[in-house]
């Protein structure tokens, strides 16, 4: 991930976390990975991904949101959360606002 983060045109999406974790995952299990992704890609190149409907095999759609909120919300302000939960994806996928 560190090598990939050096490419300014690459973004990191948080998709697939719970489906790749152990079946008894806890929200804080993801903290080191999310913190590392945020550090490497910055808030400008990190985006939320639920992996829906595949995530339903290991949890709920709400779980995918809660994992991000519980692990990163204390590090991010409301504008940064907006980037993470939509604005960065809109920019990356060149969606019209």
N, C-alpha and C. Protein backbone atom coordinates (compact mmCIF):
# COMPACT_ATOMS: atom_id res chain seq x y z
N UNK A 1 0.82 -1.18 0.00
CA UNK A 1 0.00 0.00 0.00
C UNK A 1 0.87 1.25 0.00
N UNK A 2 1.99 1.18 0.70
CA UNK A 2 2.85 2.36 0.76
C UNK A 2 3.34 2.73 -0.64
N UNK A 3 3.79 1.75 -1.39
CA UNK A 3 4.26 2.02 -2.75
C UNK A 3 3.14 2.57 -3.62
N UNK A 4 1.95 2.01 -3.50
CA UNK A 4 0.81 2.49 -4.30
C UNK A 4 0.40 3.90 -3.92
N UNK A 5 0.54 4.25 -2.66
CA UNK A 5 0.12 5.59 -2.21
C UNK A 5 0.97 6.70 -2.82
N UNK A 6 2.12 6.35 -3.36
CA UNK A 6 2.98 7.35 -4.00
C UNK A 6 2.44 7.83 -5.34
N UNK A 7 1.48 7.12 -5.90
CA UNK A 7 0.88 7.52 -7.17
C UNK A 7 -0.33 8.40 -6.88
N UNK A 8 -0.23 9.66 -7.23
CA UNK A 8 -1.28 10.63 -6.88
C UNK A 8 -2.61 10.35 -7.57
N UNK A 9 -2.62 9.54 -8.61
CA UNK A 9 -3.88 9.23 -9.30
C UNK A 9 -4.58 8.00 -8.70
N UNK A 10 -4.00 7.36 -7.69
CA UNK A 10 -4.61 6.20 -7.05
C UNK A 10 -5.28 6.60 -5.75
N UNK A 11 -6.46 6.03 -5.52
CA UNK A 11 -7.23 6.25 -4.30
C UNK A 11 -7.35 4.92 -3.58
N UNK A 12 -7.71 4.95 -2.33
CA UNK A 12 -7.92 3.74 -1.54
C UNK A 12 -9.39 3.72 -1.09
N UNK A 13 -10.07 2.61 -1.36
CA UNK A 13 -11.46 2.45 -0.94
C UNK A 13 -11.53 1.43 0.18
N UNK A 14 -12.34 1.70 1.20
CA UNK A 14 -12.42 0.86 2.40
C UNK A 14 -13.31 -0.37 2.21
N UNK A 15 -13.72 -0.64 1.03
CA UNK A 15 -14.65 -1.73 0.73
C UNK A 15 -14.07 -3.10 1.07
N UNK A 16 -14.94 -3.99 1.55
CA UNK A 16 -14.56 -5.38 1.77
C UNK A 16 -13.96 -5.70 3.12
N UNK A 17 -13.99 -4.77 4.03
CA UNK A 17 -13.33 -5.02 5.32
C UNK A 17 -13.96 -6.18 6.09
N UNK A 18 -15.27 -6.17 6.27
CA UNK A 18 -15.87 -7.20 7.13
C UNK A 18 -15.92 -8.56 6.46
N UNK A 19 -15.97 -8.60 5.14
CA UNK A 19 -16.02 -9.90 4.46
C UNK A 19 -14.66 -10.59 4.46
N UNK A 20 -13.60 -9.83 4.67
CA UNK A 20 -12.26 -10.42 4.71
C UNK A 20 -11.78 -10.66 6.14
N UNK A 21 -12.54 -10.22 7.12
CA UNK A 21 -12.16 -10.37 8.53
C UNK A 21 -12.64 -11.72 9.07
N UNK A 22 -12.20 -12.04 10.27
CA UNK A 22 -12.70 -13.26 10.92
C UNK A 22 -14.19 -13.11 11.20
N UNK A 23 -14.87 -14.20 11.38
CA UNK A 23 -16.32 -14.16 11.59
C UNK A 23 -16.73 -13.49 12.89
N UNK A 24 -15.82 -13.40 13.84
CA UNK A 24 -16.14 -12.75 15.12
C UNK A 24 -15.48 -11.37 15.22
N UNK A 25 -15.43 -10.64 14.12
CA UNK A 25 -14.78 -9.34 14.08
C UNK A 25 -15.43 -8.36 15.06
N UNK A 26 -14.63 -7.39 15.47
CA UNK A 26 -15.08 -6.28 16.32
C UNK A 26 -14.68 -4.99 15.60
N UNK A 27 -15.40 -3.91 15.85
CA UNK A 27 -15.15 -2.68 15.10
C UNK A 27 -13.71 -2.20 15.24
N UNK A 28 -13.10 -2.38 16.40
CA UNK A 28 -11.74 -1.89 16.60
C UNK A 28 -10.67 -2.77 15.94
N UNK A 29 -11.06 -3.94 15.43
CA UNK A 29 -10.11 -4.77 14.69
C UNK A 29 -9.56 -4.04 13.47
N UNK A 30 -10.34 -3.11 12.96
CA UNK A 30 -9.99 -2.44 11.70
C UNK A 30 -9.19 -1.15 11.90
N UNK A 31 -9.05 -0.74 13.15
CA UNK A 31 -8.38 0.54 13.43
C UNK A 31 -6.99 0.66 12.82
N UNK A 32 -6.11 -0.31 12.99
CA UNK A 32 -4.76 -0.14 12.42
C UNK A 32 -4.77 -0.03 10.90
N UNK A 33 -5.67 -0.74 10.25
CA UNK A 33 -5.72 -0.71 8.79
C UNK A 33 -6.29 0.60 8.28
N UNK A 34 -7.34 1.08 8.93
CA UNK A 34 -7.94 2.34 8.51
C UNK A 34 -7.02 3.52 8.81
N UNK A 35 -6.35 3.48 9.94
CA UNK A 35 -5.41 4.54 10.28
C UNK A 35 -4.25 4.56 9.29
N UNK A 36 -3.75 3.40 8.93
CA UNK A 36 -2.65 3.32 7.95
C UNK A 36 -3.11 3.83 6.59
N UNK A 37 -4.30 3.45 6.16
CA UNK A 37 -4.81 3.91 4.86
C UNK A 37 -4.97 5.42 4.85
N UNK A 38 -5.47 5.98 5.94
CA UNK A 38 -5.64 7.43 6.05
C UNK A 38 -4.28 8.12 6.01
N UNK A 39 -3.32 7.58 6.71
CA UNK A 39 -1.98 8.17 6.74
C UNK A 39 -1.34 8.12 5.35
N UNK A 40 -1.45 6.98 4.69
CA UNK A 40 -0.79 6.81 3.40
C UNK A 40 -1.46 7.59 2.27
N UNK A 41 -2.78 7.57 2.22
CA UNK A 41 -3.49 8.17 1.09
C UNK A 41 -4.03 9.56 1.40
N UNK A 42 -4.06 9.95 2.64
CA UNK A 42 -4.60 11.23 3.12
C UNK A 42 -6.12 11.24 2.97
N UNK A 43 -6.73 12.21 3.56
CA UNK A 43 -8.19 12.32 3.49
C UNK A 43 -8.64 12.65 2.07
N UNK A 44 -7.75 13.12 1.24
CA UNK A 44 -8.11 13.49 -0.13
C UNK A 44 -8.16 12.31 -1.10
N UNK A 45 -7.62 11.16 -0.70
CA UNK A 45 -7.63 10.00 -1.60
C UNK A 45 -8.11 8.73 -0.92
N UNK A 46 -8.89 8.90 0.13
CA UNK A 46 -9.50 7.76 0.83
C UNK A 46 -11.00 7.86 0.68
N UNK A 47 -11.65 6.74 0.35
CA UNK A 47 -13.10 6.78 0.19
C UNK A 47 -13.76 5.55 0.80
N UNK A 48 -14.95 5.79 1.29
CA UNK A 48 -15.76 4.73 1.89
C UNK A 48 -16.28 3.79 0.81
N UNK A 49 -16.32 2.51 1.15
CA UNK A 49 -16.95 1.51 0.31
C UNK A 49 -17.60 0.47 1.22
N UNK A 50 -18.84 0.14 0.95
CA UNK A 50 -19.56 -0.80 1.82
C UNK A 50 -19.37 -2.26 1.41
N UNK A 51 -19.12 -2.47 0.13
CA UNK A 51 -19.07 -3.82 -0.46
C UNK A 51 -20.45 -4.48 -0.43
N UNK A 52 -21.49 -3.64 -0.45
CA UNK A 52 -22.86 -4.14 -0.46
C UNK A 52 -23.16 -4.75 -1.82
N UNK A 53 -23.81 -5.85 -1.94
CA UNK A 53 -24.47 -6.66 -0.93
C UNK A 53 -23.58 -7.75 -0.33
N UNK A 54 -22.35 -7.86 -0.80
CA UNK A 54 -21.46 -8.91 -0.30
C UNK A 54 -21.23 -8.76 1.21
N UNK A 55 -21.21 -7.52 1.71
CA UNK A 55 -20.98 -7.29 3.14
C UNK A 55 -22.02 -7.99 4.01
N UNK A 56 -23.19 -8.27 3.45
CA UNK A 56 -24.27 -8.91 4.22
C UNK A 56 -23.91 -10.33 4.66
N UNK A 57 -22.88 -10.90 4.07
CA UNK A 57 -22.42 -12.23 4.49
C UNK A 57 -21.73 -12.16 5.85
N UNK A 58 -21.26 -10.98 6.25
CA UNK A 58 -20.48 -10.85 7.49
C UNK A 58 -21.03 -9.79 8.44
N UNK A 59 -22.03 -9.06 8.03
CA UNK A 59 -22.58 -8.00 8.86
C UNK A 59 -23.66 -7.25 8.10
N UNK A 60 -23.91 -6.04 8.53
CA UNK A 60 -24.94 -5.22 7.88
C UNK A 60 -24.29 -4.04 7.16
N UNK A 61 -25.07 -3.39 6.33
CA UNK A 61 -24.61 -2.17 5.67
C UNK A 61 -24.23 -1.13 6.74
N UNK A 62 -25.06 -1.02 7.78
CA UNK A 62 -24.79 -0.08 8.88
C UNK A 62 -23.46 -0.42 9.56
N UNK A 63 -23.14 -1.69 9.69
CA UNK A 63 -21.85 -2.09 10.28
C UNK A 63 -20.69 -1.48 9.50
N UNK A 64 -20.79 -1.48 8.17
CA UNK A 64 -19.69 -0.96 7.35
C UNK A 64 -19.49 0.53 7.60
N UNK A 65 -20.57 1.25 7.84
CA UNK A 65 -20.49 2.68 8.15
C UNK A 65 -19.95 2.87 9.57
N UNK A 66 -20.48 2.11 10.51
CA UNK A 66 -20.05 2.24 11.91
C UNK A 66 -18.57 1.96 12.10
N UNK A 67 -18.03 1.02 11.36
CA UNK A 67 -16.60 0.72 11.46
C UNK A 67 -15.77 1.94 11.10
N UNK A 68 -16.17 2.63 10.06
CA UNK A 68 -15.44 3.83 9.66
C UNK A 68 -15.61 4.93 10.70
N UNK A 69 -16.84 5.18 11.11
CA UNK A 69 -17.13 6.24 12.08
C UNK A 69 -16.40 5.98 13.40
N UNK A 70 -16.52 4.77 13.92
CA UNK A 70 -15.93 4.47 15.23
C UNK A 70 -14.40 4.48 15.20
N UNK A 71 -13.81 4.23 14.05
CA UNK A 71 -12.36 4.20 13.97
C UNK A 71 -11.72 5.51 13.51
N UNK A 72 -12.46 6.33 12.77
CA UNK A 72 -11.83 7.53 12.21
C UNK A 72 -12.49 8.85 12.59
N UNK A 73 -13.72 8.82 13.09
CA UNK A 73 -14.44 10.07 13.34
C UNK A 73 -13.71 11.00 14.29
N UNK A 74 -13.01 10.46 15.27
CA UNK A 74 -12.30 11.33 16.21
C UNK A 74 -11.07 11.97 15.59
N UNK A 75 -10.68 11.51 14.40
CA UNK A 75 -9.52 12.07 13.70
C UNK A 75 -9.93 13.04 12.59
N UNK A 76 -11.22 13.05 12.25
CA UNK A 76 -11.68 13.82 11.10
C UNK A 76 -12.76 14.82 11.48
N UNK A 77 -12.76 15.97 10.83
CA UNK A 77 -13.84 16.94 11.03
C UNK A 77 -14.98 16.65 10.05
N UNK A 78 -16.05 17.40 10.12
CA UNK A 78 -17.22 17.11 9.30
C UNK A 78 -16.93 17.25 7.80
N UNK A 79 -16.11 18.20 7.41
CA UNK A 79 -15.76 18.36 6.00
C UNK A 79 -14.95 17.15 5.51
N UNK A 80 -14.06 16.66 6.34
CA UNK A 80 -13.26 15.50 5.96
C UNK A 80 -14.13 14.25 5.87
N UNK A 81 -15.10 14.11 6.76
CA UNK A 81 -16.03 12.98 6.67
C UNK A 81 -16.84 13.04 5.39
N UNK A 82 -17.21 14.24 4.94
CA UNK A 82 -17.92 14.39 3.67
C UNK A 82 -17.05 13.93 2.51
N UNK A 83 -15.77 14.24 2.58
CA UNK A 83 -14.84 13.77 1.54
C UNK A 83 -14.81 12.24 1.52
N UNK A 84 -14.64 11.66 2.69
CA UNK A 84 -14.54 10.21 2.83
C UNK A 84 -15.80 9.50 2.36
N UNK A 85 -16.96 10.03 2.72
CA UNK A 85 -18.23 9.37 2.42
C UNK A 85 -18.87 9.81 1.11
N UNK A 86 -18.18 10.53 0.25
CA UNK A 86 -18.81 10.86 -1.02
C UNK A 86 -18.02 11.74 -1.96
N UNK A 87 -17.47 12.82 -1.45
CA UNK A 87 -16.82 13.77 -2.35
C UNK A 87 -15.61 13.17 -3.07
N UNK A 88 -14.81 12.37 -2.37
CA UNK A 88 -13.64 11.76 -3.01
C UNK A 88 -14.05 10.78 -4.10
N UNK A 89 -15.09 10.01 -3.85
CA UNK A 89 -15.58 9.08 -4.87
C UNK A 89 -16.11 9.85 -6.08
N UNK A 90 -16.83 10.93 -5.82
CA UNK A 90 -17.36 11.75 -6.90
C UNK A 90 -16.24 12.29 -7.77
N UNK A 91 -15.16 12.73 -7.13
CA UNK A 91 -14.01 13.23 -7.88
C UNK A 91 -13.32 12.11 -8.65
N UNK A 92 -13.06 10.99 -7.97
CA UNK A 92 -12.35 9.88 -8.60
C UNK A 92 -13.11 9.33 -9.81
N UNK A 93 -14.41 9.12 -9.65
CA UNK A 93 -15.23 8.55 -10.72
C UNK A 93 -15.76 9.62 -11.67
N UNK A 94 -15.35 10.87 -11.45
CA UNK A 94 -15.74 12.01 -12.29
C UNK A 94 -17.25 12.11 -12.44
N UNK A 95 -17.95 12.06 -11.30
CA UNK A 95 -19.38 12.18 -11.29
C UNK A 95 -19.76 13.66 -11.24
N UNK A 96 -20.88 13.98 -11.82
CA UNK A 96 -21.36 15.36 -11.82
C UNK A 96 -21.97 15.66 -10.47
N UNK A 97 -21.68 16.82 -9.93
CA UNK A 97 -22.24 17.24 -8.64
C UNK A 97 -23.61 17.84 -8.83
